[in-house]
C-alpha atoms as a PDB file:
ATOM      1  CA  PHE A   1     118.060-203.009  15.612  1.00  0.00           C
ATOM      2  CA  SER A   2     118.254-202.148  19.243  1.00  0.00           C
ATOM      3  CA  ARG A   3     121.158-199.783  18.471  1.00  0.00           C
ATOM      4  CA  HIS A   4     121.557-197.650  15.333  1.00  0.00           C
ATOM      5  CA  PRO A   5     123.872-199.771  13.014  1.00  0.00           C
ATOM      6  CA  ILE A   6     124.731-196.898  10.727  1.00  0.00           C
ATOM      7  CA  THR A   7     125.615-194.076  13.155  1.00  0.00           C
ATOM      8  CA  GLY A   8     126.547-196.261  16.119  1.00  0.00           C
ATOM      9  CA  ASN A   9     124.261-194.008  18.318  1.00  0.00           C
ATOM     10  CA  ASP A  10     123.631-196.057  21.478  1.00  0.00           C
ATOM     11  CA  ALA A  11     120.570-193.892  22.323  1.00  0.00           C
ATOM     12  CA  GLU A  12     118.732-194.815  19.027  1.00  0.00           C
ATOM     13  CA  VAL A  13     116.837-197.915  18.037  1.00  0.00           C
ATOM     14  CA  TYR A  14     116.732-198.198  14.274  1.00  0.00           C
ATOM     15  CA  MET A  15     113.982-199.932  12.459  1.00  0.00           C
ATOM     16  CA  GLU A  16     112.982-200.809   8.890  1.00  0.00           C
ATOM     17  CA  LEU A  17     109.442-201.823   8.129  1.00  0.00           C
ATOM     18  CA  ALA A  18     107.608-203.118   5.017  1.00  0.00           C
ATOM     19  CA  THR A  19     104.010-203.774   4.203  1.00  0.00           C
ATOM     20  CA  GLY A  20     103.123-207.451   3.850  1.00  0.00           C
ATOM     21  CA  MET A  21     105.360-210.354   4.721  1.00  0.00           C
ATOM     22  CA  GLY A  22     108.950-209.604   5.765  1.00  0.00           C
ATOM     23  CA  GLU A  23     110.386-211.349   2.768  1.00  0.00           C
ATOM     24  CA  THR A  24     109.957-208.213   0.842  1.00  0.00           C
ATOM     25  CA  LEU A  25     112.389-206.522   3.080  1.00  0.00           C
ATOM     26  CA  ALA A  26     114.708-209.446   3.845  1.00  0.00           C
ATOM     27  CA  SER A  27     115.250-210.848   0.350  1.00  0.00           C
ATOM     28  CA  ALA A  28     115.729-207.566  -1.508  1.00  0.00           C
ATOM     29  CA  SER A  29     113.987-209.188  -4.480  1.00  0.00           C
ATOM     30  CA  ILE A  30     111.390-206.386  -4.864  1.00  0.00           C
ATOM     31  CA  ARG A  31     112.700-202.916  -5.780  1.00  0.00           C
ATOM     32  CA  GLY A  32     111.899-200.141  -3.357  1.00  0.00           C
ATOM     33  CA  MET A  33     112.695-198.749  -0.003  1.00  0.00           C
ATOM     34  CA  PRO A  34     111.174-199.582   3.459  1.00  0.00           C
ATOM     35  CA  TYR A  35     109.778-197.250   6.074  1.00  0.00           C
ATOM     36  CA  ARG A  36     112.711-196.234   8.241  1.00  0.00           C
ATOM     37  CA  ALA A  37     112.487-194.781  11.682  1.00  0.00           C
ATOM     38  CA  THR A  38     114.427-194.267  14.929  1.00  0.00           C
ATOM     39  CA  PHE A  39     113.292-194.322  18.473  1.00  0.00           C
ATOM     40  CA  ASN A  40     115.365-192.476  21.071  1.00  0.00           C
ATOM     41  CA  ARG A  41     115.598-194.686  24.153  1.00  0.00           C
ATOM     42  CA  VAL A  42     116.444-191.692  26.336  1.00  0.00           C
ATOM     43  CA  SER A  43     113.786-189.133  25.274  1.00  0.00           C
ATOM     44  CA  GLY A  44     111.192-191.506  23.760  1.00  0.00           C
ATOM     45  CA  ALA A  45     111.207-189.412  20.581  1.00  0.00           C
ATOM     46  CA  VAL A  46     110.338-191.025  17.273  1.00  0.00           C
ATOM     47  CA  GLN A  47     111.692-189.850  13.920  1.00  0.00           C
ATOM     48  CA  PHE A  48     110.538-191.217  10.597  1.00  0.00           C
ATOM     49  CA  LEU A  49     113.516-191.037   8.157  1.00  0.00           C
ATOM     50  CA  SER A  50     111.776-192.364   5.006  1.00  0.00           C
ATOM     51  CA  TYR A  51     108.509-193.804   3.794  1.00  0.00           C
ATOM     52  CA  ALA A  52     108.160-197.032   1.890  1.00  0.00           C
ATOM     53  CA  SER A  53     108.193-197.275  -1.917  1.00  0.00           C
ATOM     54  CA  PHE A  54     108.012-201.044  -2.586  1.00  0.00           C
ATOM     55  CA  GLY A  55     105.513-201.302  -5.449  1.00  0.00           C
ATOM     56  CA  HIS A  56     104.336-204.766  -4.325  1.00  0.00           C
ATOM     57  CA  ALA A  57     103.943-206.698  -1.047  1.00  0.00           C
ATOM     58  CA  LEU A  58     103.774-210.331  -0.353  1.00  0.00           C
ATOM     59  CA  ARG A  59     100.646-211.310   1.530  1.00  0.00           C
ATOM     60  CA  PRO A  60      99.031-214.540   2.579  1.00  0.00           C
ATOM     61  CA  ASP A  61      96.861-215.991  -0.085  1.00  0.00           C
ATOM     62  CA  ALA A  62      93.115-215.863   0.954  1.00  0.00           C
ATOM     63  CA  GLU A  63      92.534-219.403  -0.416  1.00  0.00           C
ATOM     64  CA  ALA A  64      95.690-221.171   0.612  1.00  0.00           C
ATOM     65  CA  VAL A  65      97.209-219.527   3.710  1.00  0.00           C
ATOM     66  CA  SER A  66     100.498-221.327   3.185  1.00  0.00           C
ATOM     67  CA  GLN A  67     100.956-219.580  -0.070  1.00  0.00           C
ATOM     68  CA  LEU A  68     101.986-215.957  -0.679  1.00  0.00           C
ATOM     69  CA  THR A  69     100.414-213.673  -3.248  1.00  0.00           C
ATOM     70  CA  LEU A  70     102.260-210.650  -4.785  1.00  0.00           C
ATOM     71  CA  GLU A  71      99.942-207.615  -4.559  1.00  0.00           C
ATOM     72  CA  ALA A  72     100.279-204.023  -5.596  1.00  0.00           C
ATOM     73  CA  VAL A  73     100.582-201.634  -2.476  1.00  0.00           C
ATOM     74  CA  ASP A  74      98.297-198.572  -2.275  1.00  0.00           C
ATOM     75  CA  TYR A  75     100.127-196.523   0.254  1.00  0.00           C
ATOM     76  CA  THR A  76      97.232-194.059   0.631  1.00  0.00           C
ATOM     77  CA  ARG A  77      95.501-196.856   2.446  1.00  0.00           C
ATOM     78  CA  GLU A  78      98.495-197.927   4.672  1.00  0.00           C
ATOM     79  CA  PRO A  79      98.208-196.622   8.216  1.00  0.00           C
ATOM     80  CA  LEU A  80     101.981-196.106   8.476  1.00  0.00           C
ATOM     81  CA  THR A  81     101.781-193.627   5.622  1.00  0.00           C
ATOM     82  CA  ARG A  82      98.516-191.814   6.265  1.00  0.00           C
ATOM     83  CA  ASP A  83      98.113-191.811  10.068  1.00  0.00           C
ATOM     84  CA  PRO A  84     100.885-189.874  11.959  1.00  0.00           C
ATOM     85  CA  ALA A  85      99.558-190.996  15.416  1.00  0.00           C
ATOM     86  CA  PHE A  86      99.563-194.634  14.346  1.00  0.00           C
ATOM     87  CA  ARG A  87     103.116-194.242  12.828  1.00  0.00           C
ATOM     88  CA  SER A  88     104.354-192.756  16.109  1.00  0.00           C
ATOM     89  CA  MET A  89     102.674-195.342  18.329  1.00  0.00           C
ATOM     90  CA  ILE A  90     104.030-198.353  16.300  1.00  0.00           C
ATOM     91  CA  ALA A  91     107.536-196.911  16.228  1.00  0.00           C
ATOM     92  CA  LYS A  92     107.473-196.185  19.920  1.00  0.00           C
ATOM     93  CA  ARG A  93     106.191-199.714  20.776  1.00  0.00           C
ATOM     94  CA  LEU A  94     108.797-201.292  18.486  1.00  0.00           C
ATOM     95  CA  GLY A  95     111.483-199.210  20.124  1.00  0.00           C
ATOM     96  CA  LEU A  96     110.405-200.195  23.675  1.00  0.00           C
ATOM     97  CA  VAL A  97     110.283-203.845  22.567  1.00  0.00           C
ATOM     98  CA  ALA A  98     113.857-203.598  21.223  1.00  0.00           C
ATOM     99  CA  VAL A  99     115.125-202.042  24.428  1.00  0.00           C
ATOM    100  CA  PHE A 100     113.473-204.702  26.472  1.00  0.00           C
ATOM    101  CA  LEU A 101     114.819-207.596  24.391  1.00  0.00           C
ATOM    102  CA  GLU A 102     118.337-206.098  24.477  1.00  0.00           C
ATOM    103  CA  SER A 103     118.053-205.935  28.369  1.00  0.00           C
ATOM    104  CA  GLN A 104     116.835-209.497  28.611  1.00  0.00           C
ATOM    105  CA  LEU A 105     119.461-210.905  26.136  1.00  0.00           C
ATOM    106  CA  GLY A 106     122.552-209.910  28.090  1.00  0.00           C
ATOM    107  CA  GLY A 107     122.741-206.159  27.184  1.00  0.00           C
ATOM    108  CA  GLN A 108     124.142-206.813  23.775  1.00  0.00           C
ATOM    109  CA  PRO A 109     122.797-204.908  20.740  1.00  0.00           C
ATOM    110  CA  GLN A 110     120.308-206.927  18.963  1.00  0.00           C
ATOM    111  CA  ASP A 111     119.198-207.459  15.290  1.00  0.00           C
ATOM    112  CA  ILE A 112     115.492-208.095  15.799  1.00  0.00           C
ATOM    113  CA  GLU A 113     112.880-209.330  13.242  1.00  0.00           C
ATOM    114  CA  GLY A 114     109.211-209.357  13.871  1.00  0.00           C
ATOM    115  CA  VAL A 115     105.682-209.031  12.490  1.00  0.00           C
ATOM    116  CA  ILE A 116     102.967-206.548  13.312  1.00  0.00           C
ATOM    117  CA  CYS A 117      99.471-207.989  12.858  1.00  0.00           C
ATOM    118  CA  SER A 118      96.344-205.909  12.997  1.00  0.00           C
ATOM    119  CA  SER A 119      92.687-206.510  12.848  1.00  0.00           C
ATOM    120  CA  ARG A 120      89.889-203.895  12.616  1.00  0.00           C
ATOM    121  CA  GLY A 121      89.000-202.510  16.010  1.00  0.00           C
ATOM    122  CA  GLN A 122      91.930-204.290  17.727  1.00  0.00           C
ATOM    123  CA  PRO A 123      95.338-202.803  18.776  1.00  0.00           C
ATOM    124  CA  PRO A 124      98.193-204.056  16.548  1.00  0.00           C
ATOM    125  CA  ALA A 125      99.961-207.062  17.977  1.00  0.00           C
ATOM    126  CA  ILE A 126     103.780-207.369  17.779  1.00  0.00           C
ATOM    127  CA  HIS A 127     105.273-210.806  17.325  1.00  0.00           C
ATOM    128  CA  ILE A 128     108.977-211.362  17.540  1.00  0.00           C
ATOM    129  CA  VAL A 129     110.295-213.863  15.020  1.00  0.00           C
ATOM    130  CA  GLN A 130     113.937-213.749  16.030  1.00  0.00           C
ATOM    131  CA  ALA A 131     116.562-211.804  17.833  1.00  0.00           C
ATOM    132  CA  ARG A 132     120.339-212.262  17.558  1.00  0.00           C
ATOM    133  CA  PRO A 133     123.367-210.172  18.542  1.00  0.00           C
ATOM    134  CA  MET A 134     124.185-207.375  16.002  1.00  0.00           C
ATOM    135  CA  VAL A 135     127.376-208.078  13.967  1.00  0.00           C
ATOM    136  CA  LEU A 136     129.911-205.485  13.183  1.00  0.00           C
ATOM    137  CA  TYR A 137     128.336-202.948  15.622  1.00  0.00           C
ATOM    138  CA  GLN A 138     130.532-200.128  16.808  1.00  0.00           C
ATOM    139  CA  SER A 139     129.217-197.717  19.349  1.00  0.00           C
ATOM    140  CA  SER A 140     129.889-193.957  18.594  1.00  0.00           C
ATOM    141  CA  SER A 141     130.356-193.178  22.297  1.00  0.00           C
END
């Protein structure tokens, strides 16, 4: 979200992230909690509020790319869990993307969904799937 939907803090971008395909997060069919973070659009500060606890992730099947496979998540191997520099960099980039999208979409707070793809040796690529105005948003200022 380009504005914090819970606190109404206009200075904060709020994000939730999950390992694997976004269906894990969007459907609420798998028990657990996503990574949660904020990015302060004024100071550039990143704060991680929680670490993910989903036991499984949906990933593209190696044989049939159009199919999803449910796999156990080993968070000791996930960069968002084990690498503070990576975690901060991703949250900062996502925050900046949210601020940019909001500015390009009429200045209204946005509910944004996207995908982060990474390959060994390459910087992570951020792909925006959709952005729409946030509903029921009330600024705290």
